[in-house]
């Protein structure tokens, strides 16, 4: 087995030869984040990649992220190194189920979290991220909205708007399984540390947090904060970029169990194999792609606070 430095060198050389850009989500393993051209949140990575001259995107993440890259970058070949890297939350809502829900709630606009399948985005009026969900819902100026697929993000958004929010009963198991008891233990073990929580966490955990932020929001919050210690209530992969960008500060997992196995499936060997073979390719059928892109574009047109 090749060592990390050899694999990294081979990947970088082949990426240059093939005019490929490597994207890695914040939850990926450290060596994958280190070899990437860009790291960050899923949708932001695709948007950044669309502004490059790259011919190939290697998305180190899960399937819906590669689909999003295909939606936003139709002129580029999108590779997902591990084709069975999926998302339990995205799998909790199908396009057929959303169509049935729209019949049940006629005329109610649909706000869909980007952590969803392309076909679900295509059935939606507008997309949102964990960072802009509140702004997106308020922009609709509708007395009622339907948010899918994450109930916890919907309930968090409901706290910040007078609009009635109906929601699909989906969730991220990694975040949803975080308990008050686990958070309380982390707070006791690291007294004085700031608790940051992702809005995919349950409401009772968010009630305990000093700051509720997306992964990119957590990175920005820590950078601007004068505090020195932080408890991080999201998938534990984020601890690596937090520590890398803030070596003088300390970071602790809210729970050692917050590990997404799908996010850890991609390694350097899988990236190199994908670059060599230019497979597996992720594509989105054109009609679905165009409809999904409209929902993404509507989100991008919402003014930021």
Protein backbone atom coordinates (compact mmCIF):
# COMPACT_ATOMS: atom_id res chain seq x y z
CA UNK A 1 0.00 0.00 0.00
CA UNK A 2 1.36 3.41 -0.95
CA UNK A 3 1.90 5.90 1.81
CA UNK A 4 -0.05 9.11 2.19
CA UNK A 5 2.61 11.39 0.67
CA UNK A 6 3.01 9.18 -2.42
CA UNK A 7 -0.74 8.93 -2.97
CA UNK A 8 -1.15 12.66 -2.46
CA UNK A 9 1.57 13.40 -4.99
CA UNK A 10 0.09 11.01 -7.54
CA UNK A 11 -3.37 12.53 -7.10
CA UNK A 12 -2.14 16.10 -7.48
CA UNK A 13 -0.12 15.23 -10.59
CA UNK A 14 -3.00 13.38 -12.24
CA UNK A 15 -5.46 16.15 -11.34
CA UNK A 16 -3.20 18.65 -13.13
CA UNK A 17 -2.88 16.41 -16.17
CA UNK A 18 -6.63 15.94 -16.44
CA UNK A 19 -7.59 19.51 -15.48
CA UNK A 20 -9.55 18.16 -12.54
CA UNK A 21 -10.59 19.94 -9.36
CA UNK A 22 -10.91 18.01 -6.11
CA UNK A 23 -13.66 19.02 -3.69
CA UNK A 24 -13.84 17.72 -0.12
CA UNK A 25 -16.62 18.24 2.35
CA UNK A 26 -15.71 19.38 5.86
CA UNK A 27 -16.61 15.93 7.23
CA UNK A 28 -14.09 14.01 5.11
CA UNK A 29 -11.01 12.35 6.65
CA UNK A 30 -7.97 14.65 7.16
CA UNK A 31 -5.80 13.36 4.29
CA UNK A 32 -8.69 13.81 1.85
CA UNK A 33 -9.26 17.38 3.04
CA UNK A 34 -5.53 18.03 2.66
CA UNK A 35 -5.35 16.80 -0.95
CA UNK A 36 -8.42 18.80 -2.03
CA UNK A 37 -8.34 22.05 -3.98
CA UNK A 38 -11.39 23.26 -2.06
CA UNK A 39 -12.98 22.24 1.23
CA UNK A 40 -16.25 23.42 2.70
CA UNK A 41 -20.02 22.94 2.68
CA UNK A 42 -21.54 20.88 -0.12
CA UNK A 43 -23.41 23.51 -2.14
CA UNK A 44 -20.75 26.18 -1.74
CA UNK A 45 -18.18 23.75 -3.14
CA UNK A 46 -20.25 23.15 -6.27
CA UNK A 47 -20.79 26.87 -6.78
CA UNK A 48 -17.07 27.54 -6.41
CA UNK A 49 -16.23 24.72 -8.82
CA UNK A 50 -18.62 26.16 -11.42
CA UNK A 51 -16.47 29.29 -11.55
CA UNK A 52 -13.33 27.35 -12.48
CA UNK A 53 -12.06 26.14 -15.84
CA UNK A 54 -11.80 22.54 -14.63
CA UNK A 55 -13.08 19.79 -16.93
CA UNK A 56 -13.53 17.22 -14.16
CA UNK A 57 -14.88 17.50 -10.61
CA UNK A 58 -13.90 14.83 -8.09
CA UNK A 59 -16.40 15.21 -5.25
CA UNK A 60 -15.23 13.70 -1.98
CA UNK A 61 -18.53 13.52 -0.17
CA UNK A 62 -21.83 11.69 -0.61
CA UNK A 63 -24.14 11.10 -3.55
CA UNK A 64 -26.45 14.11 -3.25
CA UNK A 65 -23.39 16.38 -3.25
CA UNK A 66 -22.13 14.95 -6.52
CA UNK A 67 -25.64 15.35 -7.93
CA UNK A 68 -25.61 19.00 -6.87
CA UNK A 69 -22.30 19.48 -8.67
CA UNK A 70 -23.81 17.92 -11.79
CA UNK A 71 -26.83 20.24 -11.51
CA UNK A 72 -24.71 23.38 -11.15
CA UNK A 73 -21.83 22.35 -13.45
CA UNK A 74 -23.44 20.53 -16.42
CA UNK A 75 -20.39 21.23 -18.59
CA UNK A 76 -18.10 19.27 -16.24
CA UNK A 77 -17.69 15.53 -15.64
CA UNK A 78 -18.53 14.80 -11.99
CA UNK A 79 -16.88 11.84 -10.28
CA UNK A 80 -17.94 10.34 -6.95
CA UNK A 81 -15.01 8.12 -5.87
CA UNK A 82 -17.20 5.82 -3.76
CA UNK A 83 -20.58 5.37 -5.50
CA UNK A 84 -22.36 3.92 -2.46
CA UNK A 85 -21.48 6.88 -0.22
CA UNK A 86 -25.01 7.99 0.57
CA UNK A 87 -27.00 10.13 2.99
CA UNK A 88 -29.61 8.65 5.30
CA UNK A 89 -31.52 11.93 5.49
CA UNK A 90 -31.63 12.41 1.72
CA UNK A 91 -32.97 8.85 1.43
CA UNK A 92 -35.88 9.68 3.78
CA UNK A 93 -37.76 11.62 1.09
CA UNK A 94 -38.48 10.60 -2.49
CA UNK A 95 -39.89 12.72 -5.31
CA UNK A 96 -43.10 10.65 -5.25
CA UNK A 97 -43.52 11.30 -1.53
CA UNK A 98 -42.98 15.02 -2.01
CA UNK A 99 -45.51 15.13 -4.85
CA UNK A 100 -48.07 13.47 -2.54
CA UNK A 101 -47.27 16.00 0.20
CA UNK A 102 -47.80 18.86 -2.26
CA UNK A 103 -51.26 17.46 -3.05
CA UNK A 104 -52.01 17.39 0.68
CA UNK A 105 -50.85 21.01 1.05
CA UNK A 106 -52.00 22.68 -2.18
CA UNK A 107 -50.40 26.03 -2.94
CA UNK A 108 -47.92 25.82 -0.05
CA UNK A 109 -44.39 26.61 -1.31
CA UNK A 110 -41.77 23.91 -0.81
CA UNK A 111 -38.39 24.76 0.70
CA UNK A 112 -35.96 21.88 0.33
CA UNK A 113 -32.67 21.55 2.16
CA UNK A 114 -29.76 20.95 -0.19
CA UNK A 115 -29.16 17.62 1.61
CA UNK A 116 -31.65 15.97 -0.74
CA UNK A 117 -31.84 14.07 -4.01
CA UNK A 118 -31.89 15.92 -7.32
CA UNK A 119 -35.42 14.70 -8.08
CA UNK A 120 -36.63 16.12 -4.76
CA UNK A 121 -34.99 19.48 -5.51
CA UNK A 122 -36.75 19.42 -8.88
CA UNK A 123 -40.14 19.15 -7.14
CA UNK A 124 -39.34 22.11 -4.88
CA UNK A 125 -39.94 25.84 -5.23
CA UNK A 126 -36.65 26.84 -3.65
CA UNK A 127 -33.66 25.27 -1.92
CA UNK A 128 -31.98 26.32 1.30
CA UNK A 129 -28.84 25.56 3.26
CA UNK A 130 -28.46 25.25 7.01
CA UNK A 131 -26.96 28.75 6.95
CA UNK A 132 -29.71 30.56 5.02
CA UNK A 133 -32.91 28.61 5.83
CA UNK A 134 -34.44 31.47 7.83
CA UNK A 135 -33.76 34.06 5.12
CA UNK A 136 -35.13 31.74 2.43
CA UNK A 137 -38.38 31.06 4.28
CA UNK A 138 -38.92 34.75 5.04
CA UNK A 139 -38.25 35.66 1.39
CA UNK A 140 -41.30 33.67 0.28
CA UNK A 141 -43.74 35.98 2.08
CA UNK A 142 -46.18 33.08 2.32
CA UNK A 143 -48.14 32.45 5.53
CA UNK A 144 -47.27 28.75 5.29
CA UNK A 145 -44.35 26.79 3.87
CA UNK A 146 -43.36 23.14 3.67
CA UNK A 147 -39.75 22.37 4.60
CA UNK A 148 -38.11 19.10 3.61
CA UNK A 149 -36.46 16.75 4.43
CA UNK A 150 -34.99 17.77 7.82
CA UNK A 151 -37.44 18.30 10.67
CA UNK A 152 -34.80 19.71 13.02
CA UNK A 153 -33.73 22.42 10.59
CA UNK A 154 -37.43 23.21 10.04
CA UNK A 155 -38.12 23.49 13.77
CA UNK A 156 -35.05 25.72 14.18
CA UNK A 157 -36.28 27.93 11.34
CA UNK A 158 -39.76 28.07 12.88
CA UNK A 159 -38.26 29.80 15.93
CA UNK A 160 -37.16 32.71 13.75
CA UNK A 161 -40.26 33.36 11.67
CA UNK A 162 -43.98 33.93 12.22
CA UNK A 163 -44.82 31.82 9.18
CA UNK A 164 -46.29 28.38 9.82
CA UNK A 165 -43.83 25.69 8.83
CA UNK A 166 -45.01 22.22 7.89
CA UNK A 167 -42.16 19.75 7.76
CA UNK A 168 -41.27 16.31 6.52
CA UNK A 169 -40.26 13.96 9.32
CA UNK A 170 -36.69 13.34 8.11
CA UNK A 171 -33.46 13.85 9.98
CA UNK A 172 -29.72 13.22 9.98
CA UNK A 173 -29.16 10.26 12.34
CA UNK A 174 -25.70 11.52 13.31
CA UNK A 175 -27.06 14.85 14.56
CA UNK A 176 -30.49 13.68 15.66
CA UNK A 177 -29.04 11.02 17.98
CA UNK A 178 -27.04 13.55 19.97
CA UNK A 179 -28.52 13.58 23.46
CA UNK A 180 -28.78 16.23 26.15
CA UNK A 181 -26.92 13.86 28.47
CA UNK A 182 -23.96 13.61 26.07
CA UNK A 183 -23.82 17.37 25.67
CA UNK A 184 -24.09 17.91 29.40
CA UNK A 185 -21.14 15.55 29.95
CA UNK A 186 -19.07 17.45 27.37
CA UNK A 187 -19.89 20.72 29.11
CA UNK A 188 -18.88 19.25 32.47
CA UNK A 189 -15.65 17.85 31.03
CA UNK A 190 -14.72 21.14 29.36
CA UNK A 191 -16.07 23.83 31.65
CA UNK A 192 -16.03 27.28 30.13
CA UNK A 193 -15.91 26.00 26.53
CA UNK A 194 -18.31 27.51 23.99
CA UNK A 195 -20.94 25.07 22.70
CA UNK A 196 -21.53 25.30 18.95
CA UNK A 197 -24.34 23.19 17.48
CA UNK A 198 -25.49 22.44 13.95
CA UNK A 199 -29.22 23.12 13.29
CA UNK A 200 -29.64 19.46 12.29
CA UNK A 201 -29.39 18.69 16.04
CA UNK A 202 -32.60 18.20 18.05
CA UNK A 203 -34.30 21.28 19.56
CA UNK A 204 -33.35 20.33 23.12
CA UNK A 205 -29.66 20.31 22.15
CA UNK A 206 -29.96 23.62 20.30
CA UNK A 207 -31.48 25.09 23.48
CA UNK A 208 -28.15 24.42 25.22
CA UNK A 209 -25.95 25.94 22.52
CA UNK A 210 -24.12 29.26 22.68
CA UNK A 211 -24.15 29.40 18.88
CA UNK A 212 -26.16 27.51 16.25
CA UNK A 213 -24.28 27.47 12.96
CA UNK A 214 -23.68 25.52 9.73
CA UNK A 215 -20.22 23.97 9.34
CA UNK A 216 -18.92 27.01 7.43
CA UNK A 217 -20.65 29.18 10.02
CA UNK A 218 -18.79 27.40 12.81
CA UNK A 219 -15.47 27.98 11.06
CA UNK A 220 -16.25 31.68 10.73
CA UNK A 221 -17.57 31.95 14.30
CA UNK A 222 -14.42 30.43 15.82
CA UNK A 223 -12.15 32.60 13.70
CA UNK A 224 -13.89 35.75 14.95
CA UNK A 225 -14.27 34.63 18.56
CA UNK A 226 -11.92 35.64 21.33
CA UNK A 227 -12.69 32.44 23.21
CA UNK A 228 -10.14 29.63 23.34
CA UNK A 229 -12.11 26.41 23.77
CA UNK A 230 -15.10 25.05 21.86
CA UNK A 231 -17.38 22.02 22.03
CA UNK A 232 -18.49 21.07 18.52
CA UNK A 233 -21.93 19.49 18.07
CA UNK A 234 -21.71 18.26 14.49
CA UNK A 235 -20.03 15.40 12.63
CA UNK A 236 -16.57 15.01 14.11
CA UNK A 237 -14.78 15.55 10.81
CA UNK A 238 -15.17 19.29 11.33
CA UNK A 239 -12.73 19.21 14.24
CA UNK A 240 -9.85 18.81 11.78
CA UNK A 241 -10.35 22.02 9.75
CA UNK A 242 -11.26 23.91 12.93
CA UNK A 243 -7.96 22.94 14.55
CA UNK A 244 -6.01 23.45 11.32
CA UNK A 245 -7.31 27.00 10.91
CA UNK A 246 -7.08 27.87 14.61
CA UNK A 247 -3.99 26.11 16.04
CA UNK A 248 -4.03 28.25 19.16
CA UNK A 249 -7.55 27.09 20.13
CA UNK A 250 -8.91 23.79 21.44
CA UNK A 251 -11.84 21.79 20.11
CA UNK A 252 -13.81 18.94 21.65
CA UNK A 253 -16.45 16.65 20.16
CA UNK A 254 -19.89 16.94 21.73
CA UNK A 255 -19.99 13.15 21.44
CA UNK A 256 -17.50 10.58 20.11
CA UNK A 257 -20.43 8.90 18.36
CA UNK A 258 -21.00 11.75 15.88
CA UNK A 259 -19.30 9.96 12.99
CA UNK A 260 -20.91 9.50 9.57
CA UNK A 261 -19.64 6.24 8.09
CA UNK A 262 -20.61 7.32 4.58
CA UNK A 263 -18.53 10.47 4.89
CA UNK A 264 -15.53 8.36 5.88
CA UNK A 265 -15.73 5.92 2.94
CA UNK A 266 -13.56 8.02 0.62
CA UNK A 267 -9.81 7.66 0.92
CA UNK A 268 -6.83 8.65 -1.20
CA UNK A 269 -6.78 5.34 -3.06
CA UNK A 270 -10.41 5.79 -4.09
CA UNK A 271 -9.69 9.32 -5.34
CA UNK A 272 -6.71 8.14 -7.38
CA UNK A 273 -8.71 5.26 -8.85
CA UNK A 274 -11.53 7.64 -9.84
CA UNK A 275 -9.09 10.03 -11.52
CA UNK A 276 -7.39 7.25 -13.45
CA UNK A 277 -10.59 5.67 -14.72
CA UNK A 278 -12.72 8.84 -14.77
CA UNK A 279 -15.42 6.80 -13.09
CA UNK A 280 -17.92 6.52 -11.40
CA UNK A 281 -19.65 9.44 -13.15
CA UNK A 282 -22.70 11.06 -11.54
CA UNK A 283 -25.19 12.69 -13.91
CA UNK A 284 -28.65 14.18 -13.53
CA UNK A 285 -31.26 13.77 -16.27
CA UNK A 286 -31.57 17.11 -18.08
CA UNK A 287 -35.23 17.86 -17.34
CA UNK A 288 -34.67 17.11 -13.66
CA UNK A 289 -31.45 19.11 -13.71
CA UNK A 290 -33.11 22.22 -15.13
CA UNK A 291 -35.96 22.13 -12.62
CA UNK A 292 -33.60 21.53 -9.70
CA UNK A 293 -31.35 24.34 -10.91
CA UNK A 294 -34.28 26.76 -10.81
CA UNK A 295 -34.79 25.96 -7.13
CA UNK A 296 -31.09 26.53 -6.47
CA UNK A 297 -31.06 29.80 -8.44
CA UNK A 298 -34.05 31.12 -6.53
CA UNK A 299 -32.17 30.45 -3.30
CA UNK A 300 -29.05 32.20 -4.58
CA UNK A 301 -31.17 35.28 -5.43
CA UNK A 302 -32.31 35.66 -1.80
CA UNK A 303 -30.51 38.60 -0.19
CA UNK A 304 -28.24 37.79 2.71
CA UNK A 305 -28.76 39.48 6.07
